[in-house]
Every structure is written in C-alpha cells, then in structure tokens.
Amino acid sequence: MKTVSLIAATALALGANSALAHDEAALQMSPPGAPYIQVSEALPLPAFIPGLGTLFVDPETLPAGPFLAYDHDGKLSATVYMTPLEDLQNGTAYDGLHIGNHTVDSVDIYYNAGHPGVDKPHAHVVLFHDDGAKSRLAE
C-alpha cells in the first residue's frame, strides 16, 4: 500500500512540475498531434478502452507515459501513467512526466497484470481532469 501511495504522490508532483514543458491547450481535443500516436493503431487494443477511453502516447515516454485519455467526443478526460512495479522496486524513477491538463479532479490507482504495450505487472495512475471524466470514460 505504501508503494501505491508513493507512486501516486510522485506522479502528481512530477506531472505538475513538468506540465509547463508542453502546450497544454493543444492536448485538450483528440487527436493531440505529434509526437503522440493512437495506442490502438500501434498495439492490438480496441480504439476505446472502457475505463480509460481512447489513448494516445508519445512512444519515447513508454512504458510510463503519459497516456492521454479522450472520451467519445474527443475531449481530454484523463492522464494515465503505467509504471511497471518491478522497475520501481529495482529503483527506476520516472522523472519529468508530463500531464495533459493542470486541473485534476480525482485520482485512481490500481494494479494491472499486464497488457499489450506494458506487458509487465504495473500500476495504473489515472488523473481525471474534471468531475464527469470518469463516467465519460466508463463506457
């Protein structure tokens, strides 16, 4: 439990500090443009993943991300990080992570056993950017 809390605190702190390094306004509607690619076009995943939305990522930032999560209307709803637990346990630090939007309404953190793109067990850290974001990404 301490590890998950540390992951969340680190992701929030790093994201907030590095957010100034990119044009936040350009990310608010899908598609976000280069260097981001749509995850479903690069990996065998559906275009819209219930709970996460339509994901875009800069391949250079894998595996941690950020993954930009858009709802069915193309609105940026969440920023997602996928940090492999083994890497964290071995001392890997994911520094300077960007954030899609400075506004964060709520945060979910949960375990994932692995999937295409991030095969190792990892934590999903999901920063929801407004009050209705979680429900818009649900289905």
Protein backbone atom coordinates (compact mmCIF):
# COMPACT_ATOMS: atom_id res chain seq x y z
CA MET A 1 0.00 0.00 0.00
CA LYS A 2 2.88 2.38 0.74
CA THR A 3 4.27 1.72 -2.75
CA VAL A 4 0.99 2.67 -4.42
CA SER A 5 0.75 5.87 -2.37
CA LEU A 6 4.34 6.73 -3.24
CA ILE A 7 3.62 6.16 -6.94
CA ALA A 8 0.61 8.48 -6.83
CA ALA A 9 2.40 11.22 -4.94
CA THR A 10 5.41 11.03 -7.23
CA ALA A 11 3.28 11.07 -10.40
CA LEU A 12 1.31 14.07 -9.20
CA ALA A 13 4.37 16.04 -8.13
CA LEU A 14 6.36 15.29 -11.26
CA GLY A 15 3.42 15.90 -13.55
CA ALA A 16 2.64 19.24 -12.02
CA ASN A 17 6.25 20.41 -12.24
CA SER A 18 6.83 19.32 -15.83
CA ALA A 19 3.46 20.39 -17.20
CA LEU A 20 4.87 23.73 -18.23
CA ALA A 21 7.16 22.00 -20.74
CA HIS A 22 4.42 21.45 -23.34
CA ASP A 23 1.43 23.21 -24.86
CA GLU A 24 -1.48 22.11 -22.67
CA ALA A 25 -4.09 23.79 -24.90
CA ALA A 26 -3.05 21.66 -27.90
CA LEU A 27 -3.81 18.47 -25.96
CA GLN A 28 -7.41 19.23 -24.95
CA MET A 29 -9.06 17.68 -28.03
CA SER A 30 -8.26 14.49 -29.92
CA PRO A 31 -6.02 13.92 -31.77
CA PRO A 32 -3.26 15.65 -29.80
CA GLY A 33 -0.77 15.70 -32.71
CA ALA A 34 2.89 14.73 -32.86
CA PRO A 35 4.66 13.14 -31.11
CA TYR A 36 1.55 11.33 -29.78
CA ILE A 37 0.22 8.25 -31.57
CA GLN A 38 -3.07 6.47 -31.03
CA VAL A 39 -2.31 3.38 -28.97
CA SER A 40 -4.88 1.21 -30.78
CA GLU A 41 -3.12 1.87 -34.10
CA ALA A 42 0.19 0.60 -32.73
CA LEU A 43 -0.97 -2.26 -30.50
CA PRO A 44 -3.71 -4.92 -30.61
CA LEU A 45 -6.06 -2.93 -28.37
CA PRO A 46 -9.54 -1.51 -29.04
CA ALA A 47 -9.81 2.14 -30.11
CA PHE A 48 -11.84 2.92 -26.96
CA ILE A 49 -10.98 1.05 -23.76
CA PRO A 50 -13.79 1.21 -21.17
CA GLY A 51 -12.45 2.97 -18.10
CA LEU A 52 -9.55 4.56 -19.98
CA GLY A 53 -11.01 5.93 -23.22
CA THR A 54 -9.16 6.47 -26.48
CA LEU A 55 -5.47 6.53 -25.60
CA PHE A 56 -2.60 8.44 -27.20
CA VAL A 57 1.05 8.21 -26.14
CA ASP A 58 4.42 9.54 -27.17
CA PRO A 59 6.35 6.28 -27.87
CA GLU A 60 9.51 7.85 -26.43
CA THR A 61 7.88 8.01 -22.98
CA LEU A 62 6.96 4.32 -22.72
CA PRO A 63 6.26 2.50 -20.54
CA ALA A 64 5.21 5.17 -18.03
CA GLY A 65 3.56 7.62 -20.39
CA PRO A 66 1.69 9.89 -20.04
CA PHE A 67 -1.14 8.26 -21.94
CA LEU A 68 -3.68 10.91 -22.87
CA ALA A 69 -7.21 9.54 -22.44
CA TYR A 70 -10.02 11.03 -24.52
CA ASP A 71 -13.77 10.44 -24.21
CA HIS A 72 -16.11 9.54 -27.11
CA ASP A 73 -16.40 13.25 -28.02
CA GLY A 74 -12.63 13.65 -28.24
CA LYS A 75 -12.28 15.66 -25.02
CA LEU A 76 -9.20 15.05 -22.88
CA SER A 77 -10.61 13.44 -19.76
CA ALA A 78 -7.62 11.85 -18.02
CA THR A 79 -3.87 11.47 -17.99
CA VAL A 80 -2.71 7.91 -17.30
CA TYR A 81 0.66 6.58 -16.18
CA MET A 82 1.58 2.88 -16.36
CA THR A 83 4.58 2.22 -14.14
CA PRO A 84 5.96 -1.34 -14.00
CA LEU A 85 6.13 -2.50 -10.39
CA GLU A 86 9.34 -4.47 -10.92
CA ASP A 87 11.08 -1.41 -12.34
CA LEU A 88 10.02 0.72 -9.37
CA GLN A 89 11.15 -1.97 -6.92
CA ASN A 90 14.53 -2.04 -8.69
CA GLY A 91 14.94 1.71 -8.27
CA THR A 92 13.76 3.07 -11.61
CA ALA A 93 12.50 6.62 -11.29
CA TYR A 94 10.09 8.08 -13.84
CA ASP A 95 11.07 11.73 -13.67
CA GLY A 96 9.72 14.66 -15.61
CA LEU A 97 6.40 13.08 -16.57
CA HIS A 98 4.06 15.43 -18.39
CA ILE A 99 0.40 15.93 -17.57
CA GLY A 100 -2.36 16.54 -20.11
CA ASN A 101 -4.16 19.18 -18.08
CA HIS A 102 -3.30 21.08 -14.89
CA THR A 103 -6.78 20.50 -13.50
CA VAL A 104 -7.08 17.21 -11.62
CA ASP A 105 -10.45 16.40 -10.07
CA SER A 106 -9.64 12.92 -8.74
CA VAL A 107 -7.04 10.15 -8.95
CA ASP A 108 -7.45 6.38 -9.24
CA ILE A 109 -4.58 3.93 -8.72
CA TYR A 110 -4.93 0.25 -9.45
CA TYR A 111 -2.96 -2.86 -10.29
CA ASN A 112 -2.80 -4.29 -13.82
CA ALA A 113 -1.25 -7.70 -14.53
CA GLY A 114 -0.03 -6.57 -17.96
CA HIS A 115 -1.37 -5.97 -21.45
CA PRO A 116 0.00 -5.19 -24.93
CA GLY A 117 2.36 -2.25 -24.68
CA VAL A 118 3.09 -2.66 -20.96
CA ASP A 119 3.49 -6.41 -20.56
CA LYS A 120 4.87 -6.41 -17.00
CA PRO A 121 2.62 -6.08 -13.93
CA HIS A 122 2.21 -2.38 -13.30
CA ALA A 123 0.21 0.30 -11.56
CA HIS A 124 -2.22 2.49 -13.47
CA VAL A 125 -2.24 6.00 -12.07
CA VAL A 126 -5.22 7.83 -13.60
CA LEU A 127 -5.61 11.58 -13.15
CA PHE A 128 -9.19 12.58 -14.04
CA HIS A 129 -9.40 16.17 -15.26
CA ASP A 130 -13.00 17.06 -14.39
CA ASP A 131 -15.96 15.88 -12.34
CA GLY A 132 -17.63 13.90 -15.15
CA ALA A 133 -14.47 12.44 -16.72
CA LYS A 134 -14.60 9.07 -15.00
CA SER A 135 -18.18 8.40 -16.11
CA ARG A 136 -17.47 9.55 -19.69
CA LEU A 137 -14.60 7.06 -19.92
CA ALA A 138 -16.56 4.21 -18.31
CA GLU A 139 -18.28 3.03 -21.49
